Protein backbone atom coordinates (compact mmCIF):
# COMPACT_ATOMS: atom_id res chain seq x y z
CA MET A 1 3.34 20.29 1.17
CA ALA A 2 4.08 17.01 -0.39
CA GLY A 3 2.40 14.95 -2.67
CA MET A 4 0.13 11.61 -1.93
CA ARG A 5 -1.51 9.24 -4.41
CA ILE A 6 -5.13 8.40 -3.42
CA VAL A 7 -7.58 5.73 -5.00
CA VAL A 8 -11.07 7.38 -5.30
CA CYS A 9 -14.11 5.41 -5.43
CA LEU A 10 -17.03 6.38 -7.70
CA PRO A 11 -20.38 4.83 -8.80
CA GLY A 12 -19.84 2.90 -12.26
CA GLU A 13 -22.47 5.55 -13.74
CA ALA A 14 -19.83 8.59 -13.05
CA ARG A 15 -17.59 7.29 -15.88
CA THR A 16 -19.76 9.94 -18.28
CA ARG A 17 -18.91 13.03 -16.04
CA LEU A 18 -15.68 11.84 -14.56
CA ASP A 19 -14.30 15.21 -14.05
CA GLU A 20 -17.25 16.48 -12.55
CA ALA A 21 -17.79 13.25 -10.26
CA LEU A 22 -14.18 13.42 -9.41
CA ALA A 23 -14.44 17.15 -8.29
CA GLU A 24 -17.62 16.69 -6.41
CA ALA A 25 -15.95 13.56 -4.45
CA MET A 26 -12.96 15.38 -3.46
CA ALA A 27 -14.51 19.07 -2.65
CA PRO A 28 -15.30 18.27 1.09
CA PHE A 29 -11.11 18.08 1.61
CA GLU A 30 -9.70 20.99 -0.30
CA ILE A 31 -8.00 23.53 2.27
CA ASP A 32 -10.06 26.29 2.85
CA PHE A 33 -9.44 26.66 6.39
CA THR A 34 -13.13 26.33 7.40
CA ARG A 35 -13.47 23.19 9.13
CA GLY A 36 -9.86 22.22 10.79
CA GLU A 37 -7.04 20.68 9.60
CA ASP A 38 -8.01 17.14 9.52
CA TRP A 39 -10.15 18.33 6.52
CA ASP A 40 -7.56 20.55 4.84
CA ILE A 41 -5.84 18.07 3.12
CA TRP A 42 -5.18 18.91 -0.86
CA ASP A 43 -5.00 22.08 -2.57
CA TRP A 44 -4.34 20.41 -6.04
CA TRP A 45 -5.44 16.94 -7.81
CA GLY A 46 -4.88 15.23 -11.25
CA ILE A 47 -5.34 12.08 -12.73
CA CYS A 48 -2.50 9.84 -12.53
CA GLY A 49 -1.10 6.37 -13.01
CA ASN A 50 0.79 5.36 -16.64
CA GLY A 51 2.85 2.82 -14.97
CA THR A 52 5.73 4.77 -15.69
CA HIS A 53 6.60 5.04 -11.90
CA ARG A 54 4.46 2.01 -10.81
CA ASP A 55 1.75 4.44 -9.32
CA GLY A 56 -1.28 3.49 -11.13
CA LEU A 57 -3.74 0.51 -11.11
CA GLN A 58 -2.88 -2.68 -12.62
CA LEU A 59 -5.09 -4.31 -14.89
CA LEU A 60 -6.16 -7.81 -15.76
CA PRO A 61 -5.40 -9.65 -19.35
CA GLY A 62 -8.18 -8.70 -21.68
CA TYR A 63 -9.21 -5.10 -20.63
CA GLU A 64 -6.55 -3.19 -22.12
CA ASP A 65 -8.90 -1.83 -24.88
CA ASP A 66 -11.98 -1.84 -22.23
CA PRO A 67 -13.80 1.77 -22.99
CA ARG A 68 -14.40 2.46 -19.30
CA ILE A 69 -10.64 2.28 -18.30
CA VAL A 70 -9.42 5.80 -17.53
CA ARG A 71 -6.35 6.72 -18.65
CA ASP A 72 -3.33 9.25 -17.58
CA ARG A 73 -3.34 12.36 -19.61
CA SER A 74 0.29 12.88 -19.47
CA ASP A 75 1.64 10.21 -22.09
CA GLU A 76 0.46 6.93 -23.34
CA GLY A 77 1.75 4.63 -20.70
CA VAL A 78 2.95 1.47 -19.74
CA PRO A 79 0.89 -1.69 -21.16
CA GLY A 80 -0.90 -3.67 -18.48
CA TRP A 81 -1.11 -0.08 -16.42
CA CYS A 82 -3.76 2.37 -15.98
CA ALA A 83 -5.02 5.45 -13.79
CA GLY A 84 -8.31 3.71 -13.42
CA GLY A 85 -11.63 1.93 -14.42
CA PRO A 86 -13.92 -0.79 -13.20
CA ARG A 87 -12.93 -2.51 -10.32
CA GLU A 88 -13.32 -5.95 -12.11
CA ALA A 89 -10.81 -4.71 -14.80
CA MET A 90 -8.22 -4.36 -11.68
CA ALA A 91 -5.69 -7.51 -10.84
CA PHE A 92 -5.98 -7.22 -6.88
CA ALA A 93 -6.75 -11.01 -6.14
CA GLU A 94 -4.37 -11.94 -8.74
CA ILE A 95 -1.51 -9.88 -7.61
CA ARG A 96 -1.81 -11.08 -3.89
CA ALA A 97 -1.60 -14.39 -5.08
CA GLU A 98 1.49 -13.61 -6.98
CA ALA A 99 3.11 -11.86 -3.62
CA ARG A 100 1.92 -15.31 -1.65
CA ASP A 101 3.82 -17.44 -3.99
CA THR A 102 6.54 -15.16 -3.58
CA ALA A 103 7.07 -15.25 -0.04
CA ARG A 104 6.77 -19.05 -0.27
CA ALA A 105 9.52 -18.95 -2.58
CA ALA A 106 11.56 -16.78 -0.37
CA TRP A 107 10.62 -19.05 2.71
CA ASP A 108 12.11 -21.94 0.80
CA LEU A 109 15.07 -20.22 0.32
CA TRP A 110 15.67 -19.22 3.88
CA ARG A 111 15.43 -23.28 4.61
CA GLU A 112 17.68 -23.98 1.78
CA LEU A 113 20.60 -21.67 3.01
CA SER A 114 19.92 -22.65 6.84
CA ARG A 115 21.57 -25.97 5.53
CA SER A 116 24.88 -24.17 4.40
CA HIS A 117 25.00 -21.47 6.91
CA PRO A 118 25.59 -21.02 10.68
CA PRO A 119 21.90 -20.79 12.30
CA ALA A 120 20.93 -17.09 12.77
CA GLU A 121 19.87 -15.54 16.45
CA PRO A 122 16.45 -14.03 16.50
CA ARG A 123 16.90 -9.94 16.15
CA ARG A 124 17.04 -8.59 19.83
CA VAL A 125 14.14 -6.79 20.76
CA VAL A 126 14.81 -3.06 22.24
CA ALA A 127 12.40 -2.59 24.89
CA ASP A 128 10.01 0.24 23.71
CA THR A 129 10.57 2.41 26.94
CA PRO A 130 9.22 5.88 27.48
CA ARG A 131 11.60 8.64 25.41
CA ARG A 132 11.08 11.73 27.98
CA THR A 133 14.28 13.71 26.92
CA LEU A 134 16.44 14.16 23.47
CA GLU A 135 18.84 11.68 25.44
CA GLU A 136 16.62 9.11 26.00
CA LEU A 137 15.40 9.28 22.10
CA TRP A 138 18.97 8.96 21.15
CA ALA A 139 20.11 6.38 23.39
CA TRP A 140 16.99 3.96 22.41
CA ARG A 141 17.64 4.74 18.66
CA GLY A 142 21.12 3.72 19.00
CA ALA A 143 20.31 0.56 20.90
CA ASP A 144 18.25 -0.43 18.24
CA GLU A 145 20.64 0.32 15.42
CA GLU A 146 22.79 -1.79 17.09
CA ALA A 147 20.68 -4.41 17.28
CA GLY A 148 19.73 -4.33 13.84
CA ALA A 149 23.85 -4.24 12.84
CA ALA A 150 24.25 -7.21 14.80
CA PHE A 151 21.43 -9.16 13.07
CA ASP A 152 22.40 -8.31 9.85
CA ALA A 153 25.87 -9.22 10.32
CA GLN A 154 24.74 -13.08 10.60
CA PRO A 155 25.97 -14.77 7.44
CA LEU A 156 22.62 -16.34 7.00
CA VAL A 157 21.11 -13.13 7.21
CA ALA A 158 23.30 -11.55 4.65
CA ALA A 159 22.97 -14.68 2.08
CA TYR A 160 18.99 -14.75 2.39
CA ARG A 161 18.60 -10.83 1.57
CA GLU A 162 20.81 -11.47 -1.60
CA GLY A 163 19.01 -14.41 -2.37
CA VAL A 164 15.61 -12.34 -2.02
CA ALA A 165 17.12 -9.92 -4.39
CA ALA A 166 18.11 -12.15 -6.93
CA LEU A 167 14.91 -13.87 -6.37
CA LEU A 168 12.78 -10.68 -7.13
CA GLU A 169 14.92 -9.49 -9.79
CA ALA A 170 14.27 -12.82 -11.98
CA ARG A 171 10.68 -13.26 -11.41
CA ARG A 172 8.14 -12.02 -14.41
CA GLY A 173 4.77 -10.89 -13.60
CA TYR A 174 2.68 -8.32 -11.65
CA HIS A 175 4.50 -5.18 -9.75
CA LEU A 176 4.40 -6.01 -6.31
CA GLY A 177 5.47 -2.66 -5.26
CA GLY A 178 8.14 -2.87 -2.23
CA PHE A 179 6.97 -6.41 -1.43
CA LEU A 180 9.99 -8.38 0.74
CA HIS A 181 12.56 -5.35 -0.54
CA GLU A 182 12.61 -3.89 3.13
CA GLY A 183 15.02 -6.23 5.08
CA ALA A 184 13.47 -8.91 2.71
CA ALA A 185 11.47 -9.85 6.35
CA ALA A 186 14.26 -11.74 7.41
CA GLU A 187 13.72 -11.23 11.18
CA THR A 188 10.48 -13.40 10.88
CA VAL A 189 11.22 -15.62 7.75
CA GLY A 190 13.13 -17.80 10.05
CA TRP A 191 10.62 -18.45 12.88
CA THR A 192 7.24 -18.61 11.17
CA GLY A 193 5.44 -21.41 9.53
CA ARG A 194 5.56 -21.38 5.43
CA GLU A 195 2.08 -20.52 5.13
CA GLU A 196 1.62 -18.32 8.01
CA PHE A 197 4.63 -16.04 6.49
CA ALA A 198 3.11 -16.29 3.15
CA ALA A 199 0.12 -14.99 4.45
CA ALA A 200 1.36 -12.41 6.45
CA GLU A 201 3.74 -10.44 4.12
CA SER A 202 1.23 -10.71 1.30
CA ALA A 203 -1.91 -9.29 2.86
CA GLY A 204 -1.71 -5.85 2.20
CA ILE A 205 -0.62 -6.23 -1.78
CA PRO A 206 -1.06 -4.44 -3.79
CA LEU A 207 -0.69 -1.73 -1.25
CA HIS A 208 -3.11 1.15 -1.80
CA ARG A 209 -2.42 3.86 1.24
CA HIS A 210 -4.92 6.04 0.69
CA VAL A 211 -8.58 5.73 -0.30
CA LEU A 212 -11.50 7.77 -0.62
CA THR A 213 -14.85 5.66 -0.11
CA LEU A 214 -17.96 5.56 -2.03
CA ASP A 215 -19.29 7.00 1.06
CA GLY A 216 -17.14 9.84 1.67
CA TRP A 217 -14.42 8.33 3.85
CA TRP A 218 -11.15 9.76 3.36
CA TYR A 219 -8.65 7.18 4.62
CA GLY A 220 -5.23 7.16 4.96
CA GLU A 221 -2.31 5.16 6.02
CA TYR A 222 -1.65 7.36 9.25
CA ASP A 223 -3.91 10.55 9.06
CA PRO A 224 -6.99 10.89 10.83
CA VAL A 225 -9.98 9.28 8.94
CA VAL A 226 -12.53 11.79 8.21
CA HIS A 227 -16.12 11.85 6.74
CA GLY A 228 -16.40 14.44 4.15
CA ASP A 229 -19.96 15.33 5.07
CA CYS A 230 -19.17 15.84 8.94
CA ASP A 231 -17.34 18.86 11.15
CA GLY A 232 -15.91 16.35 13.33
CA PRO A 233 -15.79 12.95 15.02
CA ASP A 234 -17.96 14.21 17.92
CA VAL A 235 -20.64 15.00 15.43
CA CYS A 236 -20.40 12.15 12.76
CA VAL A 237 -23.43 10.04 12.35
CA HIS A 238 -22.20 7.81 9.40
CA ARG A 239 -20.71 4.30 9.40
CA PRO A 240 -17.27 3.86 10.97
CA PRO A 241 -14.12 3.62 8.58
CA LEU A 242 -13.07 0.51 7.12
CA PRO A 243 -12.19 -2.35 9.75
CA GLY A 244 -9.15 -4.06 10.29
CA PRO A 245 -5.52 -2.89 10.31
CA ARG A 246 -5.18 0.05 7.86
CA GLU A 247 -2.26 -2.08 6.37
CA THR A 248 -4.57 -4.41 4.90
CA ALA A 249 -8.27 -2.81 5.29
CA ALA A 250 -7.65 -0.77 1.98
CA THR A 251 -6.58 -2.97 -0.11
CA ARG A 252 -9.45 -5.37 0.85
CA TYR A 253 -11.94 -2.92 0.83
CA LEU A 254 -10.94 -2.20 -2.81
CA GLU A 255 -11.25 -5.90 -3.89
CA GLU A 256 -14.68 -6.42 -2.53
CA LEU A 257 -16.39 -3.49 -3.96
CA PRO A 258 -18.97 -3.95 -6.88
CA GLY A 259 -17.63 -4.71 -10.01
CA ASP A 260 -18.70 -1.67 -11.83
CA THR A 261 -17.23 0.72 -9.24
CA LEU A 262 -15.05 3.10 -11.00
CA LEU A 263 -11.62 3.36 -9.31
CA VAL A 264 -9.54 6.45 -10.05
CA LYS A 265 -5.90 7.01 -8.77
CA LEU A 266 -5.32 10.60 -8.24
CA ARG A 267 -1.78 12.74 -7.29
CA CYS A 268 -2.67 15.17 -4.73
CA HIS A 269 -0.47 18.34 -3.59
CA VAL A 270 -1.23 18.16 0.31
């Protein structure tokens, strides 16, 4: 068992009966061993998101004292963060715009460093061949790690990653999650146009890996997408889940909801 964080979407009027509305939305996915493992997801949940661990939702300026804001009940929290509230109070587009600007700065940094470092070769691609045995798996993994190490050893790549770390440390504004940290997108920045790179890197920001939609779909990063009112995909008559790649679809779905839609961040034991 482990923890998971999910954004639950509720009609705006649910604010007056929040605990009851959350319980109703979450009920179809409680572990009860009656409908199959895809629906047996959680055995405990609670409202979370005070900003201490950057696990809540970020507010637009001016909404800090809005009575519709949902607070984490553990403590007072960090200014600018909350556990929920109306979608119109949340900084979705603003965070993504800041991420896009930061990605542009990273792209510019690569070009600047390219003038004082030897050119970098693209990362060698290790063919994704079938791995039928443990030996084949280890051989493939070893080859991939070797390719990564060779790429990382190039002076331009090393300088770029150090520069991006400094760039992110110096910037002030919204919290961008793990944006650009994991490898600093070094494998694509040198071979992609500026705007293409910025759009690709910021598309899924802010990242919300799990969403329970207004119409009852449990939408996860890797888990099967299931509808709370149905007993299986073969008998489900509801509208299909969110379109598009998972890494961007959930964020765009949240951003495009009506402004009074209530979004609440929960931590689940799964």
